[in-house]
Amino acid sequence: MAWSQRWFRSMWQALSKEVRQHVGTDQFGNKYYYIPEYKNWRGQTIREKRIVETAHKKEVDYELGDIPTEWEAWIRRTRKSPPTMEEILKNEKYREEIKMKSEEFYKEKLLSQEDLLALPVHTQVKGHASAPHFGKEEPSEDPTSTGQTFQPGSWMPQDGKSQK
């Protein structure tokens, strides 16, 4: 961080009456702070803030999963109190157990179903459902013509009415 940014930040913190309370640090080195509600120099009430100072200073280095779910829930205000390290480790162990159990379950399920699975049947697909002849006999590829048998005026409507 450049000296000008550090100077600006220190001046801002001095003028804004923003008091950070360090709440905790996670196993990745991220630091979590709580800023209680306060009034700024203009008399406006600024609501409480919950912020994280990441171990990776660049946002491009930051990926999903770099903040534990318990801390993310605290940041987003879905939980009131910040998590303890014991709680995070307990939940991490529980997630690993569930992952192992699900892998075992799917392995057992696959082994038990190998005998039940039928051999795949080869089906022949003829045409496509959007084709005009789907479900009917396929049209012949041999050329046909009515040139020898066609007689003009030979066709009459079925209901017996003729056009004049």
Foldseek 3Di string as FASTA:
>chain_A
DDPVVVVVVVVCCVQFVWDWDFQDAAPLGKTKTKTDWDAGPVRDIDHIAIDICGPDNDPVVDDPPSDQPQQVCVRVVVDPHRDDRVVSVVVVVVVVVVVVVVVVVVVVVVVVCVVVDDDDDDDDDDDDPPDPQPPHDDDDPDDDDCVVPDDPPPDDDPVPDHDD
